[in-house]
Protein backbone atom coordinates (compact mmCIF):
# COMPACT_ATOMS: atom_id res chain seq x y z
CA UNK A 1 73.58 5.25 38.32
CA UNK A 2 71.34 7.43 40.48
CA UNK A 3 68.28 5.86 38.85
CA UNK A 4 69.44 2.38 39.81
CA UNK A 5 70.06 3.48 43.39
CA UNK A 6 66.60 5.05 43.62
CA UNK A 7 65.09 1.96 41.99
CA UNK A 8 66.85 -0.24 44.54
CA UNK A 9 65.52 1.84 47.41
CA UNK A 10 62.00 1.73 45.98
CA UNK A 11 62.31 -2.03 45.43
CA UNK A 12 63.42 -2.59 49.01
CA UNK A 13 60.46 -0.62 50.35
CA UNK A 14 58.08 -2.46 48.03
CA UNK A 15 59.51 -5.81 49.17
CA UNK A 16 58.42 -5.03 52.73
CA UNK A 17 54.82 -5.31 51.52
CA UNK A 18 55.36 -8.63 49.76
CA UNK A 19 55.59 -12.06 51.31
CA UNK A 20 57.51 -13.61 48.44
CA UNK A 21 60.31 -11.06 47.93
CA UNK A 22 62.96 -10.21 50.53
CA UNK A 23 64.69 -6.83 50.94
CA UNK A 24 67.78 -7.58 48.83
CA UNK A 25 65.63 -9.27 46.20
CA UNK A 26 63.40 -6.20 46.04
CA UNK A 27 66.46 -3.96 45.69
CA UNK A 28 67.69 -6.09 42.79
CA UNK A 29 64.29 -6.05 41.09
CA UNK A 30 63.99 -2.30 41.57
CA UNK A 31 67.42 -1.63 40.08
CA UNK A 32 66.77 -4.02 37.18
CA UNK A 33 63.40 -2.43 36.47
CA UNK A 34 65.08 0.92 35.87
CA UNK A 35 67.18 -0.58 33.08
CA UNK A 36 64.14 -2.29 31.55
CA UNK A 37 61.99 0.84 31.69
CA UNK A 38 64.59 2.80 29.76
CA UNK A 39 64.42 0.33 26.89
CA UNK A 40 60.64 0.10 26.65
CA UNK A 41 58.46 2.26 24.46
CA UNK A 42 55.51 4.25 25.82
CA UNK A 43 52.86 1.85 24.43
CA UNK A 44 54.69 -1.08 26.01
CA UNK A 45 54.82 0.70 29.37
CA UNK A 46 51.08 1.39 29.16
CA UNK A 47 50.35 -2.23 28.25
CA UNK A 48 52.51 -3.58 31.10
CA UNK A 49 50.87 -1.22 33.59
CA UNK A 50 47.36 -2.11 32.42
CA UNK A 51 48.17 -5.82 32.52
CA UNK A 52 49.55 -5.55 36.04
CA UNK A 53 46.47 -3.67 37.19
CA UNK A 54 44.14 -6.22 35.59
CA UNK A 55 46.06 -9.11 37.17
CA UNK A 56 45.87 -7.45 40.60
CA UNK A 57 42.11 -6.97 40.26
CA UNK A 58 41.70 -10.60 39.15
CA UNK A 59 43.78 -11.87 42.07
CA UNK A 60 41.92 -9.71 44.60
CA UNK A 61 38.57 -10.94 43.27
CA UNK A 62 39.75 -14.57 43.40
CA UNK A 63 41.04 -14.16 46.97
CA UNK A 64 37.78 -12.53 48.08
CA UNK A 65 35.78 -15.38 46.58
CA UNK A 66 37.98 -17.95 48.35
CA UNK A 67 37.50 -16.09 51.65
CA UNK A 68 33.72 -16.08 51.13
CA UNK A 69 33.73 -19.82 50.45
CA UNK A 70 35.84 -20.48 53.52
CA UNK A 71 33.49 -18.40 55.69
CA UNK A 72 30.51 -20.56 54.69
CA UNK A 73 32.23 -23.90 55.19
CA UNK A 74 31.08 -25.74 58.27
CA UNK A 75 33.74 -27.49 60.29
CA UNK A 76 33.39 -31.27 60.56
CA UNK A 77 31.43 -32.46 63.55
CA UNK A 78 33.58 -33.57 66.47
CA UNK A 79 33.42 -37.25 67.23
CA UNK A 80 31.39 -37.71 70.38
CA UNK A 81 33.00 -39.77 73.04
């Protein structure tokens, strides 16, 4: 019970840093993650953590590349009138 409460609090705080998850949604995900973590084995936890880290690095690299491309785009010339 205490673990779910702490997970809900952590989820709410984490949701503040996310655009796609609201506060109550983060609380639900945090509380649900506590139940899932109890049922997972250590190798599974390590694999999930490594996969999440790899996905974050991939996404950051992709976003940085998109920002670089956008910086070098030239805006269309304005129609002279």
